[in-house]
Amino acid sequence: MFSKSKIFLYFLLSFIFGVATASFFKVSFFIVFVSFIFSLILVIIFWANKRVRILAFCLIFLVLGIFRFNFAQPKIDQNNIQFYNGQEIGFTGQVSAEPDVRSDSLKLKINVFEIEEKKGNFGLVLIKTGLYPSYQYGDRLKIDCELVKPGKINDFDYEKYLAKDDIFSVCYQPKIELLDKNQGNLIFALILKIKNKLNDSVNSNLSEPQASLLSAITLGVRRGLPDELMLRFSEAGITHIIAISGQNITIVTTILMNLALAFYLSRKQSFYFAGFILIIYVILTGMSASVVRAGIMGFLVLLAMRLGRLNQSTNALVLAACLMLLVNPKILRLDISFQLSFAAILGLVYLSPVFEKCLEKISNPFQIREMITMTMSAQVFTLPLIIFYFSRFSVIAPITNILILPILPYLMTLGLLAAIIGIIFTPLSQLFFWILWLMLTYIIKVSYYFTSLPLSFFNLGKMNWLIIFVSYFLIFLLILKFRKNVSQIKKI
């Protein structure tokens, strides 16, 4: 009844539940300590009773999840930049990530190592400055500004959004002095330099908005995308194609593998092909923490498909989630991308058999049935979260995704290839960019056409957390009913 695999899964889920508990409720150290001692006593006294022993270990893992989340909270003292919120101070730090370039401003994530001649590791601060002079990853800067605590922007909780990346202080329009350049990691700096050259190649060979759209899809560079196009994508339910998320990466890599299988590559060869594209994609988009997490999830799904056991990969996926939470437990509640990524993967694991059964009579040239199955499975499982966070329900999302997602792997692969060739020999890349222009225009036209239809989407307003629980309860009921029917058919 209690196989080793199931027991392992129970322990992992207990850890996740512990992180979730601490994410929503403040749990004192006293309660954590007493619960841990109590669970140890249960283990010792009831070691011979397997059920109680397993329950006690589940409690231990739950307590460890709570402890890990509490341990991740910053201690506010003079050794933490957050301590100086509300004060005008001078500090020295280094640009620790790729600058976020907007249409009228530049956002820099600064790792602070000196405050008013006091040296140490003070944490991160986000500064917003003008586009010029421009600063790059690895620049060392002396900054004078007033630090403030992040606040809400309209209904958007900016404080929680930054907290997941351990940023609790921001400053606007600071006085900046450049002290030194190229002080960051040389390999990461080289990756960003290549990325910028590829982006320049795209911009030199494509007109707008196709150029900005290709840069967003292949390189994660979203600056330059028109607000009107972003709105249309949101209404059409396809915003995820320009977001470097586990949801997008998982869908695209599974389609890539199915395409490779459709061209008669072996399962092993298809895995290496899709895996190679995935690794290149993660590297060229800058290897941020969220992109790496998304890449890991996508790789695990690929590996499960390589072994032919997608529906038996639950433990590996949950283990991956636990390891990510071990590194940064705040992402469970605060990182929408992490939530959508995990939901998309659960959809592929548990819902894809349902859709496969429903679509089994459809002809299957170029693995089209598998593509529709993967797309719909991920879409259905992420829908409750999308409605909750974005207060928008797109009626046309299933259609637009089915029409667009199958060409996305071609677009990504050809886009990276064209950008590389554009750097080496521009005339040769023109043919590739012409094909890409057609594909990108097709995506834009699809989004504009379907969003112009009446009742294509609904703005629902702010939703209650209850909508998520009810929605997923109904989805799991559907899955259980399907499995029960399959079991009855097998018995007959």
Protein backbone atom coordinates (compact mmCIF):
# COMPACT_ATOMS: atom_id res chain seq x y z
CA MET A 1 0.00 0.00 0.00
CA PHE A 2 2.84 2.39 0.89
CA SER A 3 5.44 1.93 -1.83
CA LYS A 4 8.77 3.73 -1.52
CA SER A 5 7.78 5.93 -4.45
CA LYS A 6 4.53 7.02 -2.77
CA ILE A 7 6.21 7.62 0.58
CA PHE A 8 8.83 9.79 -1.13
CA LEU A 9 6.05 11.77 -2.85
CA TYR A 10 4.25 12.28 0.49
CA PHE A 11 7.45 13.70 2.03
CA LEU A 12 7.96 16.09 -0.89
CA LEU A 13 4.36 17.28 -0.81
CA SER A 14 4.62 17.80 2.95
CA PHE A 15 7.63 20.07 2.45
CA ILE A 16 5.75 22.07 -0.20
CA PHE A 17 2.70 22.32 2.09
CA GLY A 18 5.00 23.60 4.86
CA VAL A 19 6.39 26.34 2.58
CA ALA A 20 2.83 27.21 1.50
CA THR A 21 1.65 27.40 5.12
CA ALA A 22 4.44 29.80 6.08
CA SER A 23 3.82 31.81 2.89
CA PHE A 24 0.25 32.64 3.93
CA PHE A 25 0.41 32.50 7.75
CA LYS A 26 2.97 33.72 10.25
CA VAL A 27 4.22 30.70 12.21
CA SER A 28 6.31 31.44 15.31
CA PHE A 29 9.63 29.75 16.01
CA PHE A 30 8.15 28.27 19.21
CA ILE A 31 5.42 26.41 17.28
CA VAL A 32 7.96 25.20 14.70
CA PHE A 33 10.33 23.96 17.42
CA VAL A 34 7.58 22.19 19.44
CA SER A 35 6.17 20.56 16.28
CA PHE A 36 9.60 19.29 15.30
CA ILE A 37 10.29 17.80 18.76
CA PHE A 38 6.79 16.27 18.84
CA SER A 39 7.30 14.60 15.44
CA LEU A 40 10.67 13.20 16.54
CA ILE A 41 9.05 11.72 19.64
CA LEU A 42 6.35 10.13 17.45
CA VAL A 43 9.03 8.57 15.22
CA ILE A 44 10.89 7.10 18.21
CA ILE A 45 7.83 5.81 20.10
CA PHE A 46 5.89 4.47 17.12
CA TRP A 47 8.79 3.25 14.94
CA ALA A 48 7.18 -0.19 14.62
CA ASN A 49 3.91 1.32 13.34
CA LYS A 50 4.54 2.13 9.69
CA ARG A 51 1.52 4.41 9.25
CA VAL A 52 2.35 6.56 12.28
CA ARG A 53 6.04 6.60 11.35
CA ILE A 54 5.27 7.87 7.85
CA LEU A 55 2.84 10.45 9.26
CA ALA A 56 5.50 11.64 11.73
CA PHE A 57 8.09 12.03 8.95
CA CYS A 58 5.52 13.95 6.89
CA LEU A 59 5.14 16.30 9.84
CA ILE A 60 8.93 16.68 10.02
CA PHE A 61 9.10 17.64 6.33
CA LEU A 62 6.20 20.05 6.80
CA VAL A 63 8.05 21.71 9.70
CA LEU A 64 11.22 21.87 7.57
CA GLY A 65 9.22 23.66 4.85
CA ILE A 66 7.98 26.23 7.38
CA PHE A 67 11.50 26.66 8.77
CA ARG A 68 13.01 27.13 5.29
CA PHE A 69 10.54 29.89 4.45
CA ASN A 70 11.06 31.67 7.77
CA PHE A 71 14.84 31.38 7.41
CA ALA A 72 14.62 33.08 4.00
CA GLN A 73 13.13 36.25 5.47
CA PRO A 74 15.67 39.10 5.75
CA LYS A 75 16.93 40.30 9.11
CA ILE A 76 16.52 44.08 9.17
CA ASP A 77 19.61 45.65 10.73
CA GLN A 78 22.51 47.92 9.74
CA ASN A 79 23.94 45.09 7.63
CA ASN A 80 20.89 45.08 5.36
CA ILE A 81 20.08 47.76 2.79
CA GLN A 82 16.41 47.54 3.83
CA PHE A 83 17.35 49.11 7.19
CA TYR A 84 18.04 52.43 5.41
CA ASN A 85 14.61 52.78 3.74
CA GLY A 86 13.34 56.32 4.13
CA GLN A 87 16.86 57.77 4.30
CA GLU A 88 19.05 59.63 1.81
CA ILE A 89 22.33 57.71 1.72
CA GLY A 90 25.37 57.07 -0.44
CA PHE A 91 26.34 53.51 -1.34
CA THR A 92 28.54 51.59 -3.75
CA GLY A 93 27.47 48.51 -5.64
CA GLN A 94 27.64 46.53 -8.84
CA VAL A 95 25.03 45.97 -11.58
CA SER A 96 24.26 42.30 -10.90
CA ALA A 97 21.88 41.49 -13.76
CA GLU A 98 21.03 42.52 -17.30
CA PRO A 99 19.61 46.08 -17.24
CA ASP A 100 15.86 46.31 -17.81
CA VAL A 101 15.49 48.82 -20.63
CA ARG A 102 12.10 50.50 -20.93
CA SER A 103 10.90 53.08 -23.45
CA ASP A 104 11.82 56.02 -21.19
CA SER A 105 13.87 54.58 -18.33
CA LEU A 106 16.48 52.08 -17.20
CA LYS A 107 16.09 49.73 -14.22
CA LEU A 108 19.26 48.39 -12.60
CA LYS A 109 19.53 45.66 -9.98
CA ILE A 110 22.44 46.68 -7.73
CA ASN A 111 24.31 44.36 -5.37
CA VAL A 112 25.40 46.74 -2.57
CA PHE A 113 28.80 46.10 -0.95
CA GLU A 114 29.53 49.47 0.71
CA ILE A 115 27.34 51.96 2.57
CA GLU A 116 28.95 55.24 3.68
CA GLU A 117 32.42 53.64 3.89
CA LYS A 118 31.12 50.58 5.75
CA LYS A 119 31.91 47.43 3.74
CA GLY A 120 29.90 44.18 3.68
CA ASN A 121 27.14 42.36 1.82
CA PHE A 122 24.07 44.57 2.21
CA GLY A 123 21.76 42.90 -0.30
CA LEU A 124 20.03 44.18 -3.41
CA VAL A 125 18.44 47.48 -4.36
CA LEU A 126 16.56 48.39 -7.53
CA ILE A 127 17.24 51.81 -9.01
CA LYS A 128 15.34 53.56 -11.78
CA THR A 129 17.23 56.09 -13.84
CA GLY A 130 17.19 57.68 -17.29
CA LEU A 131 18.18 55.88 -20.48
CA TYR A 132 21.39 57.90 -20.71
CA PRO A 133 24.11 57.52 -19.72
CA SER A 134 23.69 53.78 -20.26
CA TYR A 135 24.99 51.20 -17.80
CA GLN A 136 25.76 47.51 -18.30
CA TYR A 137 26.05 44.32 -16.31
CA GLY A 138 29.26 44.34 -14.24
CA ASP A 139 29.51 48.14 -13.90
CA ARG A 140 30.54 49.36 -10.45
CA LEU A 141 28.63 52.47 -9.42
CA LYS A 142 28.63 55.02 -6.61
CA ILE A 143 25.03 56.04 -5.97
CA ASP A 144 23.41 58.77 -3.90
CA CYS A 145 19.65 58.61 -3.48
CA GLU A 146 16.75 58.26 -1.09
CA LEU A 147 15.86 54.63 -0.49
CA VAL A 148 12.15 53.81 -0.26
CA LYS A 149 10.14 50.71 0.45
CA PRO A 150 8.37 49.38 -2.67
CA GLY A 151 4.64 50.09 -2.63
CA LYS A 152 1.57 49.14 -4.62
CA ILE A 153 1.17 50.45 -8.16
CA ASN A 154 -2.59 50.68 -8.78
CA ASP A 155 -3.71 47.12 -7.89
CA PHE A 156 -0.27 45.60 -8.52
CA ASP A 157 1.62 44.59 -5.36
CA TYR A 158 5.07 45.75 -6.41
CA GLU A 159 6.52 44.98 -2.98
CA LYS A 160 5.71 41.26 -3.22
CA TYR A 161 6.82 41.13 -6.85
CA LEU A 162 10.30 42.38 -5.90
CA ALA A 163 10.44 40.41 -2.64
CA LYS A 164 10.67 37.10 -4.49
CA ASP A 165 14.06 38.29 -5.78
CA ASP A 166 15.15 39.54 -2.33
CA ILE A 167 14.70 43.20 -3.28
CA PHE A 168 13.14 45.30 -0.52
CA SER A 169 14.48 48.77 -1.40
CA VAL A 170 14.12 50.97 -4.48
CA CYS A 171 15.31 54.43 -5.43
CA TYR A 172 14.30 56.77 -8.23
CA GLN A 173 16.37 59.27 -10.22
CA PRO A 174 19.60 58.75 -8.24
CA LYS A 175 22.90 60.55 -8.66
CA ILE A 176 25.25 57.98 -10.23
CA GLU A 177 29.03 57.92 -10.68
CA LEU A 178 30.63 55.18 -12.77
CA LEU A 179 33.63 53.75 -10.91
CA ASP A 180 34.62 50.79 -13.08
CA LYS A 181 33.37 48.58 -15.91
CA ASN A 182 33.40 44.83 -16.68
CA GLN A 183 33.63 43.68 -13.06
CA GLY A 184 31.01 40.93 -13.33
CA ASN A 185 31.23 37.27 -14.30
CA LEU A 186 33.09 37.11 -17.62
CA ILE A 187 31.05 34.18 -18.99
CA PHE A 188 27.71 35.82 -18.16
CA ALA A 189 28.95 39.12 -19.60
CA LEU A 190 29.88 37.31 -22.83
CA ILE A 191 26.42 35.70 -23.01
CA LEU A 192 24.76 39.11 -22.67
CA LYS A 193 27.07 40.57 -25.32
CA ILE A 194 26.12 37.79 -27.76
CA LYS A 195 22.46 38.29 -26.90
CA ASN A 196 22.69 42.01 -27.69
CA LYS A 197 24.41 41.29 -31.02
CA LEU A 198 21.65 38.82 -31.94
CA ASN A 199 19.03 41.41 -31.01
CA ASP A 200 20.78 44.01 -33.21
CA SER A 201 20.80 41.46 -36.05
CA VAL A 202 17.03 40.99 -35.73
CA ASN A 203 16.36 44.74 -35.59
CA SER A 204 18.53 45.32 -38.68
CA ASN A 205 16.71 42.77 -40.81
CA LEU A 206 13.06 43.01 -39.80
CA SER A 207 10.57 45.85 -39.70
CA GLU A 208 8.39 46.62 -36.70
CA PRO A 209 6.44 45.19 -34.94
CA GLN A 210 7.78 41.89 -36.31
CA ALA A 211 11.33 42.64 -35.12
CA SER A 212 10.27 43.34 -31.53
CA LEU A 213 8.00 40.28 -31.52
CA LEU A 214 10.80 37.97 -32.71
CA SER A 215 13.22 39.42 -30.13
CA ALA A 216 10.64 38.83 -27.38
CA ILE A 217 9.98 35.21 -28.43
CA THR A 218 13.57 34.12 -29.08
CA LEU A 219 15.64 36.34 -26.78
CA GLY A 220 13.25 37.52 -24.08
CA VAL A 221 13.74 41.18 -25.07
CA ARG A 222 10.29 42.74 -24.69
CA ARG A 223 11.16 46.41 -25.10
CA GLY A 224 9.72 47.92 -28.25
CA LEU A 225 6.54 45.82 -28.34
CA PRO A 226 3.59 48.16 -29.02
CA ASP A 227 1.03 48.45 -26.22
CA GLU A 228 -1.76 47.73 -28.70
CA LEU A 229 -0.16 44.41 -29.71
CA MET A 230 0.41 43.44 -26.05
CA LEU A 231 -3.26 44.14 -25.35
CA ARG A 232 -4.36 42.01 -28.31
CA PHE A 233 -2.14 39.13 -27.18
CA SER A 234 -3.62 39.36 -23.69
CA GLU A 235 -7.18 39.32 -25.03
CA ALA A 236 -6.32 36.37 -27.31
CA GLY A 237 -4.77 34.40 -24.45
CA ILE A 238 -1.34 34.11 -26.08
CA THR A 239 0.75 36.48 -23.94
CA HIS A 240 2.73 33.48 -22.73
CA ILE A 241 4.46 33.12 -26.12
CA ILE A 242 6.49 36.27 -25.36
CA ALA A 243 7.14 35.32 -21.72
CA ILE A 244 10.12 33.21 -20.71
CA SER A 245 8.12 30.93 -18.45
CA GLY A 246 7.98 27.23 -17.72
CA GLN A 247 4.53 27.20 -19.29
CA ASN A 248 5.84 28.51 -22.60
CA ILE A 249 9.09 26.51 -22.56
CA THR A 250 7.32 23.27 -21.61
CA ILE A 251 4.74 23.58 -24.37
CA VAL A 252 7.32 24.54 -26.98
CA THR A 253 9.83 21.79 -26.06
CA THR A 254 7.15 19.09 -26.06
CA ILE A 255 5.98 20.25 -29.47
CA LEU A 256 9.61 20.27 -30.66
CA MET A 257 10.07 16.69 -29.55
CA ASN A 258 6.82 15.61 -31.21
CA LEU A 259 7.89 17.35 -34.42
CA ALA A 260 11.20 15.51 -34.35
CA LEU A 261 9.33 12.23 -33.85
CA ALA A 262 7.06 13.14 -36.78
CA PHE A 263 10.17 13.39 -38.99
CA TYR A 264 11.07 9.82 -38.03
CA LEU A 265 13.84 10.63 -35.58
CA SER A 266 14.14 8.11 -32.77
CA ARG A 267 12.89 9.05 -29.31
CA LYS A 268 16.51 9.39 -28.18
CA GLN A 269 17.47 11.61 -31.15
CA SER A 270 14.32 13.73 -30.67
CA PHE A 271 15.23 14.21 -27.00
CA TYR A 272 18.74 15.42 -27.86
CA PHE A 273 17.42 17.74 -30.58
CA ALA A 274 14.75 19.37 -28.35
CA GLY A 275 17.15 19.45 -25.38
CA PHE A 276 19.83 21.21 -27.43
CA ILE A 277 17.37 23.90 -28.58
CA LEU A 278 16.19 24.30 -24.98
CA ILE A 279 19.72 24.80 -23.62
CA ILE A 280 20.59 27.36 -26.34
CA TYR A 281 17.33 29.18 -25.66
CA VAL A 282 17.97 29.39 -21.89
CA ILE A 283 21.53 30.62 -22.40
CA LEU A 284 20.71 33.25 -25.00
CA THR A 285 17.84 34.71 -23.01
CA GLY A 286 20.25 35.63 -20.21
CA MET A 287 19.99 32.70 -17.77
CA SER A 288 18.03 34.63 -15.15
CA ALA A 289 16.79 32.62 -12.16
CA SER A 290 13.23 32.41 -13.53
CA VAL A 291 14.46 31.30 -16.97
CA VAL A 292 16.71 28.63 -15.46
CA ARG A 293 13.78 27.34 -13.36
CA ALA A 294 11.60 27.25 -16.46
CA GLY A 295 14.34 25.44 -18.38
CA ILE A 296 14.69 22.79 -15.65
CA MET A 297 10.96 22.11 -15.74
CA GLY A 298 10.97 21.89 -19.53
CA PHE A 299 13.95 19.52 -19.46
CA LEU A 300 12.23 17.23 -16.94
CA VAL A 301 9.17 16.95 -19.19
CA LEU A 302 11.46 16.18 -22.14
CA LEU A 303 13.22 13.50 -20.10
CA ALA A 304 9.88 11.95 -19.14
CA MET A 305 8.89 11.87 -22.82
CA ARG A 306 12.29 10.39 -23.71
CA LEU A 307 11.65 7.55 -21.27
CA GLY A 308 8.08 7.21 -22.54
CA ARG A 309 6.61 7.70 -19.06
CA LEU A 310 5.16 11.22 -18.99
CA ASN A 311 2.27 10.09 -16.79
CA GLN A 312 4.72 8.48 -14.33
CA SER A 313 6.98 11.50 -13.85
CA THR A 314 5.15 13.05 -10.91
CA ASN A 315 7.90 12.38 -8.36
CA ALA A 316 10.62 13.91 -10.54
CA LEU A 317 8.56 17.04 -11.19
CA VAL A 318 7.61 17.47 -7.53
CA LEU A 319 11.25 16.89 -6.53
CA ALA A 320 12.31 19.64 -8.95
CA ALA A 321 9.74 21.98 -7.41
CA CYS A 322 11.04 21.14 -3.91
CA LEU A 323 14.64 21.85 -4.92
CA MET A 324 13.60 25.21 -6.39
CA LEU A 325 11.71 26.06 -3.19
CA LEU A 326 14.74 25.00 -1.16
CA VAL A 327 16.77 27.61 -3.06
CA ASN A 328 14.08 30.31 -2.94
CA PRO A 329 10.89 29.44 -0.99
CA LYS A 330 9.29 32.82 -1.74
CA ILE A 331 8.54 31.85 -5.33
CA LEU A 332 5.70 29.50 -4.31
CA ARG A 333 3.37 32.38 -3.50
CA LEU A 334 5.03 35.38 -5.12
CA ASP A 335 6.26 34.10 -8.52
CA ILE A 336 3.36 33.83 -10.98
CA SER A 337 5.71 32.33 -13.58
CA PHE A 338 6.61 29.45 -11.22
CA GLN A 339 2.93 28.76 -10.51
CA LEU A 340 1.97 28.80 -14.21
CA SER A 341 4.97 26.63 -15.08
CA PHE A 342 4.08 23.96 -12.56
CA ALA A 343 0.40 24.08 -13.49
CA ALA A 344 1.25 23.64 -17.19
CA ILE A 345 3.39 20.59 -16.41
CA LEU A 346 0.69 19.05 -14.21
CA GLY A 347 -1.70 19.57 -17.11
CA LEU A 348 0.63 17.70 -19.45
CA VAL A 349 1.00 14.83 -16.98
CA TYR A 350 -2.61 14.39 -15.88
CA LEU A 351 -4.85 15.96 -18.53
CA SER A 352 -3.08 14.87 -21.71
CA PRO A 353 -4.46 11.27 -21.44
CA VAL A 354 -7.98 12.74 -21.28
CA PHE A 355 -7.49 14.82 -24.43
CA GLU A 356 -5.71 11.96 -26.20
CA LYS A 357 -8.79 9.81 -25.67
CA CYS A 358 -11.14 12.57 -26.87
CA LEU A 359 -9.06 13.23 -30.01
CA GLU A 360 -8.09 9.65 -30.91
CA LYS A 361 -10.25 9.66 -34.06
CA ILE A 362 -8.52 12.74 -35.51
CA SER A 363 -5.94 12.01 -38.21
CA ASN A 364 -2.37 12.60 -37.08
CA PRO A 365 -0.12 14.03 -39.82
CA PHE A 366 3.07 15.58 -38.39
CA GLN A 367 1.96 14.63 -34.85
CA ILE A 368 -0.77 17.30 -34.99
CA ARG A 369 -2.92 15.38 -32.51
CA GLU A 370 -0.14 15.38 -29.92
CA MET A 371 0.43 19.11 -30.44
CA ILE A 372 -3.27 19.87 -29.83
CA THR A 373 -3.27 17.55 -26.81
CA MET A 374 -0.25 19.20 -25.22
CA THR A 375 -1.54 22.70 -25.94
CA MET A 376 -5.02 22.09 -24.55
CA SER A 377 -3.75 20.23 -21.47
CA ALA A 378 -1.47 23.09 -20.46
CA GLN A 379 -4.09 25.73 -21.28
CA VAL A 380 -6.85 24.15 -19.20
CA PHE A 381 -4.62 23.61 -16.18
CA THR A 382 -3.28 27.18 -16.18
CA LEU A 383 -6.65 28.83 -16.88
CA PRO A 384 -7.77 29.25 -13.22
CA LEU A 385 -4.49 30.98 -12.33
CA ILE A 386 -4.67 33.22 -15.40
CA ILE A 387 -8.24 34.28 -14.54
CA PHE A 388 -7.28 34.93 -10.91
CA TYR A 389 -4.17 37.02 -11.61
CA PHE A 390 -5.20 38.84 -14.78
CA SER A 391 -9.01 39.00 -14.26
CA ARG A 392 -9.56 38.14 -17.89
CA PHE A 393 -11.17 35.12 -19.53
CA SER A 394 -10.36 34.63 -23.20
CA VAL A 395 -13.03 32.57 -24.96
CA ILE A 396 -10.86 32.33 -28.06
CA ALA A 397 -7.65 31.25 -26.26
CA PRO A 398 -7.98 27.53 -27.14
CA ILE A 399 -8.39 28.36 -30.85
CA THR A 400 -5.63 30.98 -31.03
CA ASN A 401 -3.20 28.73 -29.17
CA ILE A 402 -3.90 25.76 -31.42
CA LEU A 403 -3.37 28.00 -34.48
CA ILE A 404 -0.17 29.61 -33.18
CA LEU A 405 1.71 27.20 -30.90
CA PRO A 406 2.54 24.55 -33.56
CA ILE A 407 4.60 27.10 -35.52
CA LEU A 408 6.36 28.46 -32.43
CA PRO A 409 9.19 25.87 -32.37
CA TYR A 410 9.91 26.58 -36.06
CA LEU A 411 9.86 30.30 -35.29
CA MET A 412 12.24 29.99 -32.35
CA THR A 413 14.69 27.69 -34.14
CA LEU A 414 14.67 29.63 -37.41
CA GLY A 415 14.78 32.95 -35.52
CA LEU A 416 17.96 32.02 -33.63
CA LEU A 417 19.54 30.64 -36.81
CA ALA A 418 18.67 33.75 -38.85
CA ALA A 419 20.00 36.09 -36.13
CA ILE A 420 23.31 34.18 -36.03
CA ILE A 421 23.65 34.16 -39.83
CA GLY A 422 22.73 37.86 -39.86
CA ILE A 423 25.84 38.59 -37.78
CA ILE A 424 28.14 36.48 -39.97
CA PHE A 425 26.77 37.11 -43.47
CA THR A 426 23.75 39.42 -43.74
CA PRO A 427 22.75 38.71 -47.40
CA LEU A 428 22.32 34.99 -46.69
CA SER A 429 20.03 35.70 -43.74
CA GLN A 430 17.54 37.68 -45.84
CA LEU A 431 15.68 34.57 -47.03
CA PHE A 432 15.30 33.33 -43.44
CA PHE A 433 14.09 36.71 -42.22
CA TRP A 434 11.56 36.89 -45.05
CA ILE A 435 10.09 33.53 -43.94
CA LEU A 436 10.15 34.74 -40.34
CA TRP A 437 8.33 37.94 -41.34
CA LEU A 438 5.52 35.82 -42.82
CA MET A 439 5.27 33.68 -39.68
CA LEU A 440 5.29 36.68 -37.35
CA THR A 441 2.72 38.51 -39.46
CA TYR A 442 0.53 35.41 -39.31
CA ILE A 443 0.65 35.46 -35.49
CA ILE A 444 -0.20 39.16 -35.40
CA LYS A 445 -3.08 38.75 -37.88
CA VAL A 446 -4.53 35.80 -35.95
CA SER A 447 -4.50 37.79 -32.70
CA TYR A 448 -6.10 40.86 -34.30
CA TYR A 449 -8.75 38.87 -36.19
CA PHE A 450 -9.99 36.78 -33.28
CA THR A 451 -9.92 39.61 -30.73
CA SER A 452 -12.06 41.71 -33.10
CA LEU A 453 -14.84 39.11 -32.88
CA PRO A 454 -17.73 39.90 -30.49
CA LEU A 455 -17.54 38.29 -27.03
CA SER A 456 -14.00 37.04 -27.66
CA PHE A 457 -13.00 37.79 -24.07
CA PHE A 458 -14.44 38.97 -20.77
CA ASN A 459 -12.96 41.23 -18.10
CA LEU A 460 -14.05 39.58 -14.86
CA GLY A 461 -12.69 41.95 -12.23
CA LYS A 462 -10.83 40.92 -9.09
CA MET A 463 -11.40 37.24 -8.27
CA ASN A 464 -11.39 35.39 -4.94
CA TRP A 465 -8.88 32.65 -4.08
CA LEU A 466 -11.87 30.32 -3.87
CA ILE A 467 -12.11 30.33 -7.68
CA ILE A 468 -8.76 28.54 -7.89
CA PHE A 469 -9.63 25.81 -5.42
CA VAL A 470 -13.05 25.16 -6.95
CA SER A 471 -11.64 25.12 -10.50
CA TYR A 472 -8.85 22.67 -9.69
CA PHE A 473 -11.23 20.51 -7.66
CA LEU A 474 -13.47 20.20 -10.75
CA ILE A 475 -10.47 19.47 -12.99
CA PHE A 476 -9.24 16.69 -10.69
CA LEU A 477 -12.78 15.26 -10.54
CA LEU A 478 -12.69 15.10 -14.36
CA ILE A 479 -9.33 13.31 -14.25
CA LEU A 480 -10.52 10.81 -11.61
CA LYS A 481 -13.70 10.10 -13.57
CA PHE A 482 -11.66 9.50 -16.73
CA ARG A 483 -9.29 7.12 -14.93
CA LYS A 484 -12.23 5.25 -13.41
CA ASN A 485 -13.82 4.81 -16.84
CA VAL A 486 -10.51 3.59 -18.30
CA SER A 487 -10.13 1.05 -15.48
CA GLN A 488 -13.66 -0.25 -16.05
CA ILE A 489 -13.00 -0.65 -19.78
CA LYS A 490 -9.80 -2.60 -19.06
CA LYS A 491 -11.66 -4.97 -16.74
CA ILE A 492 -14.22 -5.71 -19.45
